[in-house]
Protein backbone atom coordinates (compact mmCIF):
# COMPACT_ATOMS: atom_id res chain seq x y z
CA MET A 1 -13.78 -26.04 1.58
CA LYS A 2 -11.11 -25.90 -1.10
CA ALA A 3 -7.51 -25.79 0.14
CA VAL A 4 -5.51 -22.77 -1.04
CA SER A 5 -1.78 -22.86 -1.77
CA VAL A 6 0.29 -19.70 -2.17
CA GLY A 7 3.49 -19.03 -4.11
CA PHE A 8 5.58 -15.94 -3.35
CA VAL A 9 7.33 -13.93 -6.05
CA GLY A 10 9.68 -11.86 -3.92
CA ALA A 11 11.07 -12.49 -0.44
CA GLY A 12 11.52 -9.03 1.05
CA PHE A 13 9.71 -6.93 3.64
CA SER A 14 6.20 -7.12 2.17
CA ALA A 15 6.51 -10.82 1.39
CA ASN A 16 7.34 -11.52 5.03
CA LEU A 17 4.31 -9.53 6.17
CA HIS A 18 2.05 -11.58 3.91
CA ALA A 19 3.64 -14.89 4.88
CA GLU A 20 3.17 -14.09 8.57
CA GLY A 21 -0.44 -13.13 7.87
CA LEU A 22 -1.01 -16.42 6.06
CA LYS A 23 0.05 -18.34 9.17
CA ARG A 24 -2.83 -16.77 11.07
CA VAL A 25 -5.58 -17.68 8.61
CA PHE A 26 -8.27 -19.86 10.21
CA GLY A 27 -11.22 -21.80 8.81
CA VAL A 28 -9.52 -22.15 5.41
CA PRO A 29 -6.80 -24.75 4.74
CA ALA A 30 -4.21 -22.32 3.36
CA LYS A 31 -0.44 -22.68 3.16
CA PRO A 32 2.66 -21.34 1.38
CA VAL A 33 4.13 -23.88 -1.04
CA ALA A 34 6.74 -22.09 -3.18
CA VAL A 35 8.94 -19.01 -3.44
CA VAL A 36 11.24 -17.32 -5.92
CA ALA A 37 13.37 -14.25 -5.21
CA SER A 38 16.09 -12.07 -6.69
CA SER A 39 18.70 -14.54 -5.42
CA ARG A 40 18.63 -18.20 -4.52
CA SER A 41 20.01 -17.57 -1.03
CA ARG A 42 17.35 -14.93 -0.34
CA ALA A 43 14.61 -17.33 -1.40
CA GLU A 44 16.06 -20.17 0.68
CA THR A 45 16.22 -17.98 3.78
CA PHE A 46 12.59 -16.99 3.26
CA ALA A 47 11.59 -20.62 2.69
CA ALA A 48 13.30 -21.76 5.88
CA ARG A 49 11.66 -19.00 7.92
CA HIS A 50 8.16 -19.79 6.68
CA ASP A 51 8.40 -23.58 6.20
CA ILE A 52 8.01 -23.42 2.41
CA PRO A 53 8.91 -26.69 0.65
CA THR A 54 9.87 -25.45 -2.84
CA VAL A 55 12.34 -22.78 -4.00
CA HIS A 56 12.15 -22.01 -7.72
CA ALA A 57 14.89 -20.58 -9.94
CA THR A 58 12.60 -18.21 -11.90
CA TYR A 59 9.10 -16.85 -11.52
CA ALA A 60 8.20 -18.64 -14.76
CA ASP A 61 9.01 -21.90 -12.97
CA LEU A 62 6.81 -20.90 -10.05
CA LEU A 63 3.94 -20.02 -12.39
CA ALA A 64 4.28 -23.44 -14.02
CA ASP A 65 4.09 -25.16 -10.62
CA PRO A 66 0.74 -27.02 -10.46
CA THR A 67 0.72 -26.88 -6.65
CA VAL A 68 0.42 -23.07 -6.68
CA ASP A 69 -3.13 -21.63 -6.69
CA VAL A 70 -2.36 -18.03 -5.75
CA VAL A 71 0.66 -15.89 -6.61
CA CYS A 72 1.66 -13.22 -4.09
CA VAL A 73 3.42 -10.45 -6.05
CA CYS A 74 5.95 -8.77 -3.74
CA VAL A 75 8.48 -7.36 -6.20
CA PRO A 76 9.52 -3.74 -6.96
CA ASN A 77 6.74 -1.63 -8.49
CA THR A 78 8.32 -1.63 -11.94
CA LEU A 79 7.92 -5.42 -12.16
CA HIS A 80 4.29 -5.64 -11.07
CA GLU A 81 2.70 -5.51 -14.51
CA GLN A 82 4.80 -8.22 -16.14
CA VAL A 83 4.45 -10.62 -13.19
CA ILE A 84 0.70 -9.99 -12.87
CA ILE A 85 0.03 -10.57 -16.57
CA ALA A 86 2.20 -13.69 -16.63
CA ALA A 87 0.41 -15.04 -13.54
CA ALA A 88 -3.00 -14.33 -15.08
CA GLU A 89 -1.99 -16.09 -18.28
CA ALA A 90 -0.91 -19.07 -16.15
CA GLY A 91 -4.37 -19.15 -14.58
CA LYS A 92 -3.20 -18.21 -11.09
CA HIS A 93 -5.15 -16.01 -8.70
CA ILE A 94 -3.16 -12.91 -7.75
CA ILE A 95 -2.36 -10.96 -4.62
CA CYS A 96 -0.49 -7.76 -5.49
CA GLU A 97 1.29 -5.32 -3.23
CA LYS A 98 0.55 -1.61 -3.55
CA PRO A 99 0.67 0.32 -5.78
CA LEU A 100 -0.78 -1.72 -8.63
CA THR A 101 1.53 -0.19 -11.22
CA GLY A 102 2.80 3.16 -12.49
CA ALA A 103 5.12 4.86 -14.98
CA PHE A 104 8.73 3.73 -14.86
CA GLY A 105 12.02 4.49 -16.60
CA SER A 106 12.86 7.91 -18.01
CA SER A 107 11.11 9.67 -20.89
CA GLY A 108 13.47 12.64 -20.93
CA LEU A 109 10.52 14.95 -20.38
CA LYS A 110 10.22 17.42 -17.52
CA GLY A 111 7.51 19.20 -15.55
CA GLU A 112 3.93 19.14 -16.77
CA ALA A 113 4.85 17.33 -20.01
CA ARG A 114 6.37 14.46 -18.02
CA ALA A 115 3.43 14.31 -15.64
CA LYS A 116 0.94 14.09 -18.53
CA ASP A 117 3.02 11.40 -20.22
CA GLU A 118 3.39 9.39 -17.01
CA ARG A 119 -0.34 9.58 -16.35
CA ASP A 120 -1.04 8.15 -19.80
CA ILE A 121 1.57 5.41 -19.28
CA ALA A 122 0.17 4.44 -15.87
CA ARG A 123 -3.41 4.36 -17.17
CA ALA A 124 -2.37 2.18 -20.12
CA ALA A 125 -0.59 -0.24 -17.77
CA VAL A 126 -3.73 -0.49 -15.60
CA GLY A 127 -5.75 -1.22 -18.74
CA ARG A 128 -3.44 -4.07 -19.76
CA ILE A 129 -3.61 -5.57 -16.29
CA ARG A 130 -7.39 -5.33 -16.18
CA GLU A 131 -7.70 -6.97 -19.61
CA ALA A 132 -5.38 -9.84 -18.61
CA VAL A 133 -7.23 -10.49 -15.34
CA GLN A 134 -10.66 -10.39 -16.97
CA ARG A 135 -9.56 -12.58 -19.87
CA ALA A 136 -8.13 -15.19 -17.49
CA GLY A 137 -11.18 -15.18 -15.24
CA ILE A 138 -9.02 -15.25 -12.12
CA GLN A 139 -9.37 -13.32 -8.88
CA PHE A 140 -7.29 -10.26 -8.22
CA MET A 141 -6.66 -9.24 -4.62
CA TYR A 142 -5.15 -5.86 -3.86
CA ALA A 143 -2.97 -5.97 -0.74
CA GLU A 144 -4.22 -2.79 0.90
CA ASN A 145 -3.95 -3.52 4.61
CA TRP A 146 -5.39 -0.17 5.76
CA ILE A 147 -8.95 -1.14 4.87
CA TYR A 148 -8.59 -4.33 6.92
CA ALA A 149 -7.22 -2.60 10.03
CA PRO A 150 -9.52 -3.31 13.01
CA SER A 151 -10.06 0.40 13.68
CA VAL A 152 -11.19 0.98 10.09
CA THR A 153 -13.47 -2.08 10.15
CA LYS A 154 -15.04 -0.86 13.39
CA SER A 155 -15.41 2.64 11.98
CA LYS A 156 -17.38 1.19 9.07
CA GLN A 157 -19.70 -0.70 11.42
CA LEU A 158 -20.32 2.42 13.53
CA LEU A 159 -20.74 4.62 10.47
CA ARG A 160 -23.50 2.39 9.13
CA LEU A 161 -25.25 2.38 12.52
CA ALA A 162 -24.88 6.13 13.14
CA GLY A 163 -26.10 7.05 9.68
CA GLY A 164 -24.19 10.33 9.46
CA ALA A 165 -22.79 11.59 6.17
CA ILE A 166 -19.00 11.64 5.66
CA ILE A 167 -18.08 15.25 4.96
CA ASP A 168 -14.32 15.32 5.55
CA ILE A 169 -11.56 12.69 5.74
CA ARG A 170 -7.93 13.43 6.69
CA ALA A 171 -5.42 10.62 6.32
CA GLU A 172 -1.65 10.30 6.44
CA GLU A 173 1.21 7.86 6.13
CA SER A 174 4.66 9.25 6.90
CA HIS A 175 8.05 8.17 8.20
CA SER A 176 11.76 9.00 7.87
CA GLY A 177 12.28 7.30 4.50
CA SER A 178 12.39 3.97 2.75
CA HIS A 179 15.53 1.87 3.04
CA ALA A 180 14.76 -0.05 -0.17
CA VAL A 181 16.84 1.41 -3.00
CA ALA A 182 14.14 0.69 -5.60
CA SER A 183 11.70 2.83 -3.61
CA ARG A 184 14.07 5.81 -3.68
CA ARG A 185 14.42 5.94 -7.47
CA ARG A 186 11.76 7.32 -9.78
CA ALA A 187 12.76 4.87 -12.54
CA THR A 188 11.92 1.84 -10.39
CA ALA A 189 9.34 3.24 -7.94
CA GLY A 190 7.20 5.25 -10.39
CA GLY A 191 6.97 8.12 -7.92
CA GLY A 192 7.88 9.17 -4.41
CA ALA A 193 6.06 9.65 -1.13
CA LEU A 194 2.61 10.05 -2.69
CA LEU A 195 2.75 6.81 -4.68
CA VAL A 196 4.87 4.66 -2.36
CA MET A 197 3.17 5.66 0.89
CA GLY A 198 0.21 7.81 -0.08
CA ALA A 199 -1.29 4.80 -1.86
CA HIS A 200 -2.41 3.56 1.58
CA PRO A 201 -4.41 6.59 2.75
CA VAL A 202 -5.71 7.28 -0.77
CA ALA A 203 -7.07 3.72 -0.92
CA ALA A 204 -8.61 4.01 2.53
CA VAL A 205 -10.37 7.27 1.62
CA LEU A 206 -11.72 5.79 -1.62
CA HIS A 207 -12.85 2.66 0.21
CA MET A 208 -14.68 4.62 2.92
CA LYS A 209 -16.55 6.72 0.37
CA ALA A 210 -17.45 3.62 -1.64
CA PHE A 211 -18.61 1.90 1.55
CA GLU A 212 -20.81 4.87 2.40
CA SER A 213 -22.32 4.74 -1.09
CA SER A 214 -23.17 1.05 -0.62
CA PHE A 215 -25.90 1.83 1.94
CA ARG A 216 -27.04 5.21 0.66
CA SER A 217 -29.57 5.85 -2.08
CA GLY A 218 -28.38 7.56 -5.23
CA PRO A 219 -25.35 7.16 -7.52
CA ARG A 220 -21.99 5.88 -6.28
CA THR A 221 -19.80 8.68 -4.97
CA ARG A 222 -16.72 9.24 -7.12
CA VAL A 223 -13.67 11.50 -7.17
CA THR A 224 -14.30 14.44 -9.50
CA SER A 225 -11.00 16.32 -9.14
CA VAL A 226 -7.72 16.48 -7.26
CA THR A 227 -5.39 19.29 -6.23
CA ALA A 228 -1.86 18.50 -5.07
CA GLU A 229 1.50 19.89 -4.07
CA THR A 230 4.74 17.93 -3.85
CA ALA A 231 8.26 18.78 -2.69
CA GLN A 232 11.74 17.27 -2.77
CA ILE A 233 12.59 18.12 0.83
CA TYR A 234 16.02 16.44 0.57
CA SER A 235 17.17 19.10 -1.92
CA SER A 236 15.73 22.08 -0.03
CA GLU A 237 17.76 25.01 1.23
CA ALA A 238 16.83 24.01 4.80
CA VAL A 239 18.60 20.66 4.41
CA ALA A 240 21.52 22.10 2.43
CA ARG A 241 22.49 24.50 5.21
CA LEU A 242 22.14 21.86 7.93
CA GLN A 243 25.03 21.79 10.43
CA THR A 244 23.94 18.70 12.40
CA LYS A 245 23.16 15.06 11.58
CA ASN A 246 20.21 14.48 9.26
CA TRP A 247 18.28 11.52 10.66
CA THR A 248 16.02 11.20 7.61
CA VAL A 249 16.95 9.17 4.55
CA ASP A 250 18.52 11.45 1.93
CA ASP A 251 19.62 9.16 -0.90
CA TRP A 252 16.74 10.03 -3.24
CA GLU A 253 16.72 10.31 -7.01
CA ASP A 254 14.13 12.52 -8.72
CA VAL A 255 11.20 11.75 -6.42
CA GLU A 256 9.09 13.84 -4.07
CA THR A 257 9.54 13.19 -0.36
CA TRP A 258 6.53 15.27 0.71
CA ALA A 259 3.04 15.49 -0.74
CA ASN A 260 -0.35 16.97 0.06
CA LEU A 261 -3.42 15.91 -1.91
CA VAL A 262 -6.96 17.28 -1.77
CA MET A 263 -9.66 15.04 -3.24
CA SER A 264 -13.07 16.45 -4.24
CA PHE A 265 -16.02 14.08 -4.49
CA SER A 266 -19.20 14.09 -6.53
CA ASP A 267 -21.31 14.53 -3.37
CA GLY A 268 -19.59 17.82 -2.56
CA THR A 269 -17.33 16.46 0.19
CA LYS A 270 -13.54 16.54 0.59
CA ALA A 271 -10.58 14.48 1.74
CA VAL A 272 -6.98 15.46 2.44
CA VAL A 273 -4.09 13.02 2.21
CA ASN A 274 -0.56 13.70 3.44
CA ALA A 275 2.53 11.59 2.77
CA SER A 276 6.08 12.35 3.82
CA PHE A 277 9.47 10.66 3.80
CA ALA A 278 10.76 13.46 6.02
CA MET A 279 9.20 12.71 9.40
CA LEU A 280 10.96 11.15 12.38
CA GLY A 281 9.39 9.01 15.10
CA GLY A 282 8.48 5.80 13.30
CA VAL A 283 5.67 5.08 10.87
CA ARG A 284 2.58 7.29 11.21
CA ASN A 285 -0.63 5.68 9.91
CA VAL A 286 -3.66 7.76 10.85
CA MET A 287 -7.10 8.55 9.44
CA GLU A 288 -9.78 10.87 10.82
CA ILE A 289 -13.30 10.61 9.45
CA PHE A 290 -15.61 13.54 10.17
CA THR A 291 -19.34 13.00 9.67
CA THR A 292 -22.45 15.04 10.37
CA ASN A 293 -23.00 13.25 13.68
CA ALA A 294 -19.70 11.61 14.72
CA VAL A 295 -15.91 11.60 14.42
CA TYR A 296 -13.79 8.47 13.94
CA GLN A 297 -10.09 8.66 14.77
CA ASN A 298 -8.11 5.72 13.41
CA ASN A 299 -4.67 5.65 15.05
CA MET A 300 -3.19 2.54 13.49
CA THR A 301 0.41 3.46 14.23
CA PRO A 302 1.62 4.69 16.54
CA ASN A 303 -1.03 3.72 19.06
CA THR A 304 -1.21 3.87 22.83
CA SER A 305 -1.71 0.18 23.61
CA LEU A 306 1.81 0.06 25.08
CA HIS A 307 4.25 2.87 25.80
CA VAL A 308 7.67 2.07 27.22
CA PHE A 309 10.45 4.33 28.47
CA THR A 310 14.18 3.74 28.82
CA PRO A 311 17.34 5.88 28.69
CA ASP A 312 19.31 2.76 27.69
CA ALA A 313 19.48 2.07 23.94
CA GLN A 314 20.42 -1.57 24.65
CA ALA A 315 17.71 -2.25 27.24
CA PHE A 316 15.36 -4.14 24.93
CA GLY A 317 18.00 -5.88 22.85
CA GLN A 318 16.80 -6.66 19.34
CA GLU A 319 13.14 -7.01 20.27
CA TYR A 320 10.89 -5.37 17.68
CA LEU A 321 9.25 -2.19 19.00
CA HIS A 322 7.87 -0.06 16.17
CA GLU A 323 8.56 0.16 12.44
CA LYS A 324 11.28 2.60 11.33
CA LEU A 325 12.21 3.94 14.77
CA GLU A 326 15.36 6.06 14.64
CA SER A 327 16.06 5.69 18.36
CA ARG A 328 15.44 3.07 21.04
CA THR A 329 15.55 5.50 23.98
CA GLY A 330 12.97 7.74 25.62
CA TRP A 331 9.24 7.06 25.34
CA ILE A 332 8.42 4.52 22.62
CA SER A 333 5.17 3.12 21.29
CA ALA A 334 5.78 -0.65 21.41
CA SER A 335 2.71 -2.17 19.81
CA PRO A 336 2.16 -5.74 21.12
CA ASP A 337 0.89 -6.88 17.68
CA GLU A 338 1.58 -4.22 15.07
CA ASP A 339 0.70 -6.50 12.14
CA TRP A 340 -2.78 -7.11 13.57
CA VAL A 341 -3.36 -3.42 14.32
CA ARG A 342 -2.45 -2.57 10.71
CA GLY A 343 -4.71 -5.27 9.25
CA TYR A 344 -2.26 -7.72 7.67
CA PRO A 345 -3.68 -10.99 9.08
CA GLN A 346 -7.25 -9.82 8.39
CA GLU A 347 -6.28 -8.98 4.81
CA MET A 348 -4.91 -12.47 4.19
CA GLN A 349 -7.95 -14.02 5.88
CA ASP A 350 -10.24 -12.25 3.41
CA PHE A 351 -8.07 -13.24 0.44
CA MET A 352 -7.96 -16.91 1.34
CA GLU A 353 -11.71 -16.98 1.97
CA ALA A 354 -12.32 -15.23 -1.35
CA VAL A 355 -10.32 -17.85 -3.27
CA ALA A 356 -11.73 -20.81 -1.34
CA ASN A 357 -15.35 -19.66 -1.68
CA GLY A 358 -15.12 -18.09 -5.13
CA ARG A 359 -16.21 -14.62 -4.02
CA GLU A 360 -14.78 -11.15 -4.58
CA PRO A 361 -12.33 -9.81 -1.97
CA VAL A 362 -13.05 -6.63 -0.04
CA SER A 363 -9.97 -5.08 -1.70
CA GLY A 364 -9.87 -5.80 -5.40
CA LEU A 365 -8.84 -4.57 -8.83
CA GLN A 366 -11.20 -1.58 -8.95
CA LEU A 367 -9.70 -0.06 -5.82
CA ALA A 368 -6.17 -0.75 -7.07
CA SER A 369 -6.97 0.95 -10.38
CA ASP A 370 -8.64 3.96 -8.79
CA VAL A 371 -5.63 4.59 -6.54
CA VAL A 372 -3.29 4.78 -9.55
CA ASP A 373 -5.71 7.07 -11.38
CA VAL A 374 -5.99 9.50 -8.45
CA ILE A 375 -2.26 9.62 -7.70
CA TYR A 376 -1.09 10.24 -11.26
CA ALA A 377 -3.74 12.93 -11.64
CA ALA A 378 -2.29 14.43 -8.45
CA TYR A 379 1.21 14.45 -9.95
CA LEU A 380 -0.16 16.34 -12.94
CA SER A 381 -1.90 18.80 -10.63
CA ALA A 382 1.34 19.42 -8.70
CA GLU A 383 3.25 20.21 -11.89
CA ARG A 384 0.47 22.27 -13.44
CA GLY A 385 -0.28 24.17 -10.24
CA SER A 386 -4.02 23.76 -10.63
CA ARG A 387 -6.93 21.39 -10.13
CA VAL A 388 -7.11 18.30 -12.38
CA ALA A 389 -10.46 16.72 -13.23
CA LEU A 390 -10.91 12.95 -13.26
CA ALA A 391 -12.94 11.60 -16.13
C-alpha cells in the first residue's frame, strides 16, 4: 500500500484535530511531514507537538515540497479558495476544512441585494475550485466529521436494514460563540452561525438523504427549496437591556448568531437545521432522524458516556472536559474521547485510505459544494422573507 504524507497549511484548532486524527490511522502508512502557519513560532509549536520534521516559510514552499502528497487546508474561510487552487495546480491531494468557500469582503450592498450578490460570488468560487480539482485530477476530501461520527455510521447501517423512509430530520450545532476573530467577522468568515456551524448539520442532512437514495429505486433525492430566518442576537433589545454578565461571545461584526433553516426535498420530505452562537453549556451536536418505522437520535455532544459533578472549579485542574464549557462546576459531560465520538479519527482514516487506494472518499467535493449552495440560498431566503428554489 502506498505511503501517504500530509502537509498542514494552518496550525490552529482544526489543524490540531486533524493531526491528532492522523496519529490514529491504521493499516495505511500515513504521517505528517510539513507545516506552515501564520507565524513561524506558531508553526514550530505545532511541529513539535505532532513530531513534524519540516516547517516552511510560505505555503508556496510547502506546495513545492516533493515529500508532501496531501495538503490539509486549515486556514480562515476567506483563504480556502486560493490555497485549494494552488494545491491542485501543484498536483497535491486536498483535505479542506468546512465550509468549502463563500463570499468575503464587503460589496457595500445591503439586504436582499447583498444576499443575491453573495450567492453568486459563492457559487462562482465553488465553480473555480471544481474546475481546478478536475483539471488536476487530484482527490478532494471534505473534512466533514459529522458524517463519520460513530452514531451516524451506525444510523446508516440500521436505516439500510430497517428499510423505512426518512421523512423528517432535525439537526443542530450550537454553542456560546467562536473565539477565533476571523469567525466573528463577515468579511473573513463569509457568514455567521449558519455557515460557520450550520455547515455541519446541513452536510449531515444532505449526506443522509443521499445515502438513502443509494439503496432506493428512482432518481437521487435533491433539495428543491429552502426557507430560513436569521438573527443578530448580540444586537437585540434583550441583550442591550441586560443588567448581569453576558456569558456568550458578543464581539461580532455583521454576522448572524442564530439561524433556522427548513430544507424541502424532491421526495416530499423535510429537514430542519438550527445553528446558534448564543447557547451556553458547551458544544451541542445533535441529529434526529425520523423514518416511517424507526427513530435515530444522534447525540454526538454532549453525550452521557461520563457525567461528573463538582462544586470546585479547580477540582479537575486543566484536564479537558468538553468543548467550549463556560464553567467547570456542577454537572458536566466529560466525554472520555470526544474526538472519536465526533468522527475525527474515522474521517482521517477514510481520507488516508482513499489516497492510498485511489478511491473516492465518503465526504468529497460534491457534498462540500452542495453545502455552500444550500446555505447561501438560505441567506437569500432570510433577507427576502420567502422560500428560495434551488436549481
